[in-house]
Amino acid sequence: MANDDKPLRIDLQAIVRERLSPAKRRFVPRALVRGLERLVHQDDLNGILERTYPKEGSEFARAALDDLQIKVNVKGRENIPADGRLIFASNHPLGGLDGITLIAVLGEIYGDERLRFPVNDLLLNVRPLRKVFLSVNKLGRQARSASRALNDAYASDDKQMLIFPAGLCSRKGKGGRIADLMWQKSFVAKAIENRRDIVPVTFVGRNTNRFYNTARWRRRLRIGINIEQVLLPGELCKARGKEFTIIFHKPIPWQSLTEENKKPAELAAAIRDLVLASYPY
């Protein structure tokens, strides 16, 4: 990785050199690495990172959208409270660009200091977005401090939370419909515990058929590793010039979550259904 005073740069050749001993590197053909570079669109991604440097947070997110010539239509803007304690829970159709877009939109409303987005440790390498990211799966000694930071953000009065409750991005299911995987119940429990209203969000967009077909064949072959994930950086680049719609639904008061006498898993499934009811694919 580059120093903080230089643009972030993706370099798969350097990663191979750093992670593998010279003896093991002999068994990794250069042609294979070059093929991976093309697969993840390394040059395209580095171009975006260079052109948007040194912007950070929502400013970087907006600059990346502009660089990709992406148009965003926002519906239900009146459903976004100016203040309060909120959890924005969205479907996850794109696997990267949807998060960038939501950071751009919500960052313009709340500012980066008031927006937090829990992510896995791998995404912490996206240095321009670190100021809004929160780690959710630190290991060892760092696990306790990461958990404390996450809990503090949920308990705070000035941070708005953005989450993808499905974790992984959407897949194509029966009948060819694209939909999120099961939503995890933890965001409902956090909403009740911290008295946060939930704003359901529908992000309208889809990846290419190549991504969904790879995922389908991977499942048919019973391969446990989500190999289709390696296609997601390329999916971001292939979205150049596209148009996406974000629908913000009416906030769900946290008090109503306790009045329905339902378990958090049931409430999470109901909110997922509400979000996907507006999803056209």
Protein backbone atom coordinates (compact mmCIF):
# COMPACT_ATOMS: atom_id res chain seq x y z
CA MET A 1 0.00 0.00 0.00
CA ALA A 2 1.06 3.58 -0.66
CA ASN A 3 1.87 6.11 2.06
CA ASP A 4 -0.90 8.41 3.22
CA ASP A 5 0.73 11.35 1.38
CA LYS A 6 0.30 9.55 -1.95
CA PRO A 7 -2.78 8.20 -3.73
CA LEU A 8 -3.81 4.69 -2.75
CA ARG A 9 -2.60 2.29 -5.43
CA ILE A 10 -3.59 -1.32 -6.08
CA ASP A 11 -0.58 -3.45 -7.04
CA LEU A 12 -1.22 -7.19 -7.24
CA GLN A 13 2.38 -7.90 -8.21
CA ALA A 14 3.56 -6.18 -5.02
CA ILE A 15 1.00 -8.10 -2.94
CA VAL A 16 2.33 -11.41 -4.29
CA ARG A 17 5.90 -10.34 -3.47
CA GLU A 18 4.92 -9.30 0.06
CA ARG A 19 2.75 -12.28 0.93
CA LEU A 20 4.73 -15.16 -0.62
CA SER A 21 8.29 -16.31 -0.08
CA PRO A 22 10.61 -16.44 -3.11
CA ALA A 23 10.27 -20.22 -3.14
CA LYS A 24 6.49 -20.06 -3.32
CA ARG A 25 6.44 -17.19 -5.83
CA ARG A 26 8.06 -19.49 -8.38
CA PHE A 27 4.79 -21.41 -8.59
CA VAL A 28 2.71 -18.30 -9.35
CA PRO A 29 2.98 -17.60 -13.11
CA ARG A 30 3.27 -13.93 -14.01
CA ALA A 31 0.60 -14.51 -16.63
CA LEU A 32 -1.79 -15.51 -13.82
CA VAL A 33 -1.14 -12.27 -11.91
CA ARG A 34 -1.53 -10.20 -15.07
CA GLY A 35 -4.81 -12.00 -15.73
CA LEU A 36 -6.02 -11.10 -12.23
CA GLU A 37 -4.99 -7.49 -12.81
CA ARG A 38 -7.23 -7.38 -15.88
CA LEU A 39 -10.02 -9.23 -14.08
CA VAL A 40 -10.18 -6.68 -11.24
CA HIS A 41 -9.60 -3.75 -13.65
CA GLN A 42 -6.50 -2.70 -11.71
CA ASP A 43 -5.52 0.08 -14.11
CA ASP A 44 -9.05 1.52 -14.16
CA LEU A 45 -9.30 1.50 -10.37
CA ASN A 46 -5.90 3.13 -9.95
CA GLY A 47 -6.94 5.80 -12.43
CA ILE A 48 -10.00 6.62 -10.32
CA LEU A 49 -7.91 6.72 -7.13
CA GLU A 50 -5.35 9.04 -8.73
CA ARG A 51 -7.93 11.42 -10.19
CA THR A 52 -9.88 11.70 -6.91
CA TYR A 53 -6.83 12.14 -4.66
CA PRO A 54 -6.59 13.63 -2.01
CA LYS A 55 -10.34 13.72 -1.36
CA GLU A 56 -11.68 11.66 1.56
CA GLY A 57 -15.00 10.47 2.94
CA SER A 58 -18.15 11.63 1.21
CA GLU A 59 -16.13 14.10 -0.88
CA PHE A 60 -14.14 11.18 -2.29
CA ALA A 61 -17.34 9.17 -2.82
CA ARG A 62 -18.93 12.01 -4.79
CA ALA A 63 -15.75 12.52 -6.82
CA ALA A 64 -15.64 8.80 -7.65
CA LEU A 65 -19.25 8.93 -8.88
CA ASP A 66 -18.46 11.97 -10.99
CA ASP A 67 -15.38 10.25 -12.40
CA LEU A 68 -17.52 7.25 -13.35
CA GLN A 69 -20.15 9.60 -14.82
CA ILE A 70 -22.83 7.98 -12.68
CA LYS A 71 -26.19 9.66 -12.17
CA VAL A 72 -28.05 9.14 -8.90
CA ASN A 73 -31.79 9.70 -8.48
CA VAL A 74 -32.88 10.09 -4.86
CA LYS A 75 -36.53 9.45 -4.01
CA GLY A 76 -38.07 9.93 -0.58
CA ARG A 77 -35.59 12.60 0.48
CA GLU A 78 -38.34 13.96 2.75
CA ASN A 79 -38.03 10.71 4.73
CA ILE A 80 -34.46 11.51 5.77
CA PRO A 81 -34.64 13.21 9.20
CA ALA A 82 -32.36 16.20 9.67
CA ASP A 83 -31.46 14.95 13.13
CA GLY A 84 -32.32 12.19 15.56
CA ARG A 85 -30.62 8.82 16.07
CA LEU A 86 -30.90 6.66 12.97
CA ILE A 87 -29.89 3.41 11.32
CA PHE A 88 -30.07 3.42 7.51
CA ALA A 89 -30.61 -0.22 6.49
CA SER A 90 -30.20 -0.87 2.77
CA ASN A 91 -30.23 -3.78 0.37
CA HIS A 92 -26.82 -4.53 -1.14
CA PRO A 93 -27.14 -5.12 -4.91
CA LEU A 94 -23.74 -3.98 -6.18
CA GLY A 95 -21.14 -4.99 -3.61
CA GLY A 96 -19.22 -1.71 -3.46
CA LEU A 97 -20.61 1.07 -5.60
CA ASP A 98 -23.86 1.06 -3.61
CA GLY A 99 -21.91 1.80 -0.43
CA ILE A 100 -19.93 4.57 -2.12
CA THR A 101 -23.15 6.11 -3.43
CA LEU A 102 -24.90 6.04 -0.06
CA ILE A 103 -21.85 7.59 1.62
CA ALA A 104 -21.95 10.38 -0.97
CA VAL A 105 -25.68 11.05 -0.46
CA LEU A 106 -25.80 10.76 3.34
CA GLY A 107 -22.44 12.49 3.79
CA GLU A 108 -23.83 15.56 2.05
CA ILE A 109 -26.68 15.65 4.57
CA TYR A 110 -24.92 14.77 7.82
CA GLY A 111 -21.23 15.36 7.13
CA ASP A 112 -18.55 12.73 7.54
CA GLU A 113 -18.20 13.27 11.28
CA ARG A 114 -21.83 12.24 11.81
CA LEU A 115 -21.84 9.19 9.52
CA ARG A 116 -20.49 5.73 10.37
CA PHE A 117 -20.47 2.63 8.17
CA PRO A 118 -19.49 -0.74 9.78
CA VAL A 119 -17.39 -2.80 7.33
CA ASN A 120 -15.11 -5.82 7.32
CA ASP A 121 -11.38 -5.33 7.76
CA LEU A 122 -10.63 -5.81 4.06
CA LEU A 123 -12.49 -2.60 3.21
CA LEU A 124 -10.39 -0.66 5.70
CA ASN A 125 -7.71 -0.79 3.01
CA VAL A 126 -9.82 1.68 1.02
CA ARG A 127 -8.01 4.54 2.72
CA PRO A 128 -10.06 7.46 1.31
CA LEU A 129 -13.16 6.14 3.11
CA ARG A 130 -11.59 5.26 6.46
CA LYS A 131 -13.00 8.34 8.16
CA VAL A 132 -16.55 6.94 7.87
CA PHE A 133 -15.68 3.22 8.22
CA LEU A 134 -15.88 1.20 11.43
CA SER A 135 -14.31 -2.25 11.68
CA VAL A 136 -16.63 -5.11 12.62
CA ASN A 137 -14.28 -8.12 12.61
CA LYS A 138 -10.96 -7.25 14.15
CA LEU A 139 -9.14 -10.23 15.64
CA GLY A 140 -7.03 -10.75 18.74
CA ARG A 141 -6.26 -7.76 20.93
CA GLN A 142 -7.84 -5.34 18.49
CA ALA A 143 -11.22 -7.08 18.71
CA ARG A 144 -12.14 -5.49 22.05
CA SER A 145 -11.30 -1.93 20.96
CA ALA A 146 -13.13 -2.39 17.64
CA SER A 147 -16.20 -3.71 19.44
CA ARG A 148 -16.09 -0.78 21.86
CA ALA A 149 -15.83 1.73 19.00
CA LEU A 150 -18.81 0.13 17.25
CA ASN A 151 -20.92 0.13 20.41
CA ASP A 152 -19.94 3.72 21.16
CA ALA A 153 -21.07 4.79 17.68
CA TYR A 154 -24.46 3.12 18.11
CA ALA A 155 -24.84 4.67 21.57
CA SER A 156 -23.84 8.17 20.47
CA ASP A 157 -26.26 11.03 19.94
CA ASP A 158 -24.46 12.50 16.93
CA LYS A 159 -23.60 9.52 14.69
CA GLN A 160 -25.92 8.14 12.01
CA MET A 161 -25.33 4.48 11.11
CA LEU A 162 -25.35 3.03 7.59
CA ILE A 163 -25.48 -0.74 7.21
CA PHE A 164 -26.04 -3.58 4.74
CA PRO A 165 -27.76 -6.17 6.95
CA ALA A 166 -27.25 -8.92 4.34
CA GLY A 167 -23.47 -8.62 4.59
CA LEU A 168 -22.78 -10.08 1.14
CA CYS A 169 -24.18 -8.45 -1.98
CA SER A 170 -27.33 -9.70 -3.71
CA ARG A 171 -27.46 -12.91 -5.72
CA LYS A 172 -29.86 -14.18 -8.38
CA GLY A 173 -32.35 -16.64 -6.93
CA LYS A 174 -35.24 -18.76 -8.15
CA GLY A 175 -37.09 -17.34 -11.11
CA GLY A 176 -34.12 -15.11 -11.93
CA ARG A 177 -35.02 -12.53 -9.30
CA ILE A 178 -32.10 -10.63 -7.78
CA ALA A 179 -32.42 -10.33 -4.03
CA ASP A 180 -30.43 -9.91 -0.85
CA LEU A 181 -29.50 -12.91 1.23
CA MET A 182 -31.10 -13.18 4.66
CA TRP A 183 -30.75 -9.98 6.70
CA GLN A 184 -28.96 -10.39 10.00
CA LYS A 185 -31.04 -9.46 13.03
CA SER A 186 -28.33 -7.50 14.87
CA PHE A 187 -29.34 -4.10 13.42
CA VAL A 188 -32.85 -4.50 14.88
CA ALA A 189 -31.42 -5.42 18.27
CA LYS A 190 -29.08 -2.41 18.10
CA ALA A 191 -31.98 -0.14 17.16
CA ILE A 192 -34.00 -1.23 20.18
CA GLU A 193 -31.02 -1.19 22.55
CA ASN A 194 -29.91 2.30 21.47
CA ARG A 195 -33.34 3.79 20.75
CA ARG A 196 -32.59 4.39 17.08
CA ASP A 197 -35.23 4.68 14.38
CA ILE A 198 -34.61 2.59 11.26
CA VAL A 199 -34.77 4.16 7.80
CA PRO A 200 -35.25 1.36 5.23
CA VAL A 201 -33.43 2.04 1.96
CA THR A 202 -33.96 0.49 -1.45
CA PHE A 203 -30.97 0.78 -3.77
CA VAL A 204 -32.04 0.04 -7.35
CA GLY A 205 -29.21 -1.41 -9.39
CA ARG A 206 -27.71 -4.69 -10.55
CA ASN A 207 -24.42 -6.24 -11.55
CA THR A 208 -23.71 -7.91 -14.89
CA ASN A 209 -24.94 -11.42 -15.69
CA ARG A 210 -21.35 -12.60 -15.50
CA PHE A 211 -21.34 -12.01 -11.75
CA TYR A 212 -24.65 -13.80 -11.12
CA ASN A 213 -23.80 -16.71 -13.43
CA THR A 214 -20.44 -17.20 -11.72
CA ALA A 215 -22.17 -17.27 -8.34
CA ARG A 216 -24.76 -19.77 -9.60
CA TRP A 217 -22.17 -22.16 -11.03
CA ARG A 218 -20.03 -21.84 -7.93
CA ARG A 219 -22.99 -22.99 -5.82
CA ARG A 220 -23.80 -25.83 -8.23
CA LEU A 221 -20.23 -27.06 -8.02
CA ARG A 222 -20.43 -26.78 -4.23
CA ILE A 223 -17.42 -24.50 -3.96
CA GLY A 224 -17.51 -22.96 -0.50
CA ILE A 225 -15.38 -19.89 -1.28
CA ASN A 226 -17.28 -16.96 -2.81
CA ILE A 227 -15.03 -16.75 -5.85
CA GLU A 228 -17.46 -14.36 -7.54
CA GLN A 229 -16.32 -11.67 -5.08
CA VAL A 230 -13.17 -11.16 -7.15
CA LEU A 231 -15.41 -9.82 -9.93
CA LEU A 232 -16.81 -6.96 -7.83
CA PRO A 233 -14.02 -4.40 -8.48
CA GLY A 234 -14.58 -4.93 -12.19
CA GLU A 235 -18.33 -4.54 -11.71
CA LEU A 236 -17.70 -1.10 -10.26
CA CYS A 237 -15.75 -0.07 -13.35
CA LYS A 238 -18.37 -1.54 -15.69
CA ALA A 239 -21.00 0.71 -14.08
CA ARG A 240 -19.49 3.76 -15.80
CA GLY A 241 -22.22 5.99 -17.26
CA LYS A 242 -25.08 4.15 -15.54
CA GLU A 243 -27.98 5.58 -13.56
CA PHE A 244 -29.09 4.37 -10.14
CA THR A 245 -32.09 5.15 -7.95
CA ILE A 246 -32.14 5.25 -4.15
CA ILE A 247 -35.49 5.14 -2.34
CA PHE A 248 -35.61 6.26 1.30
CA HIS A 249 -38.69 4.86 3.03
CA LYS A 250 -40.43 6.35 6.05
CA PRO A 251 -38.50 5.85 9.30
CA ILE A 252 -39.63 3.01 11.54
CA PRO A 253 -39.78 4.28 15.15
CA TRP A 254 -37.74 2.08 17.48
CA GLN A 255 -40.68 1.93 19.88
CA SER A 256 -42.78 0.11 17.28
CA LEU A 257 -40.17 -2.65 17.13
CA THR A 258 -40.94 -3.56 20.72
CA GLU A 259 -44.72 -3.31 20.34
CA GLU A 260 -45.14 -5.98 17.66
CA ASN A 261 -44.14 -8.84 19.97
CA LYS A 262 -41.85 -10.27 17.30
CA LYS A 263 -38.30 -11.53 17.53
CA PRO A 264 -35.51 -9.41 15.98
CA ALA A 265 -35.01 -11.99 13.22
CA GLU A 266 -38.69 -11.70 12.22
CA LEU A 267 -38.52 -7.90 12.25
CA ALA A 268 -35.34 -7.94 10.14
CA ALA A 269 -37.04 -10.20 7.59
CA ALA A 270 -40.08 -7.89 7.47
CA ILE A 271 -37.91 -4.81 6.86
CA ARG A 272 -36.02 -6.71 4.16
CA ASP A 273 -39.34 -7.54 2.48
CA LEU A 274 -40.36 -3.87 2.63
CA VAL A 275 -37.09 -2.82 0.98
CA LEU A 276 -37.22 -5.46 -1.74
CA ALA A 277 -40.87 -4.74 -2.56
CA SER A 278 -39.62 -1.64 -4.40
CA TYR A 279 -36.80 -3.51 -6.14
CA PRO A 280 -37.67 -4.17 -9.79
CA TYR A 281 -35.23 -6.93 -10.76
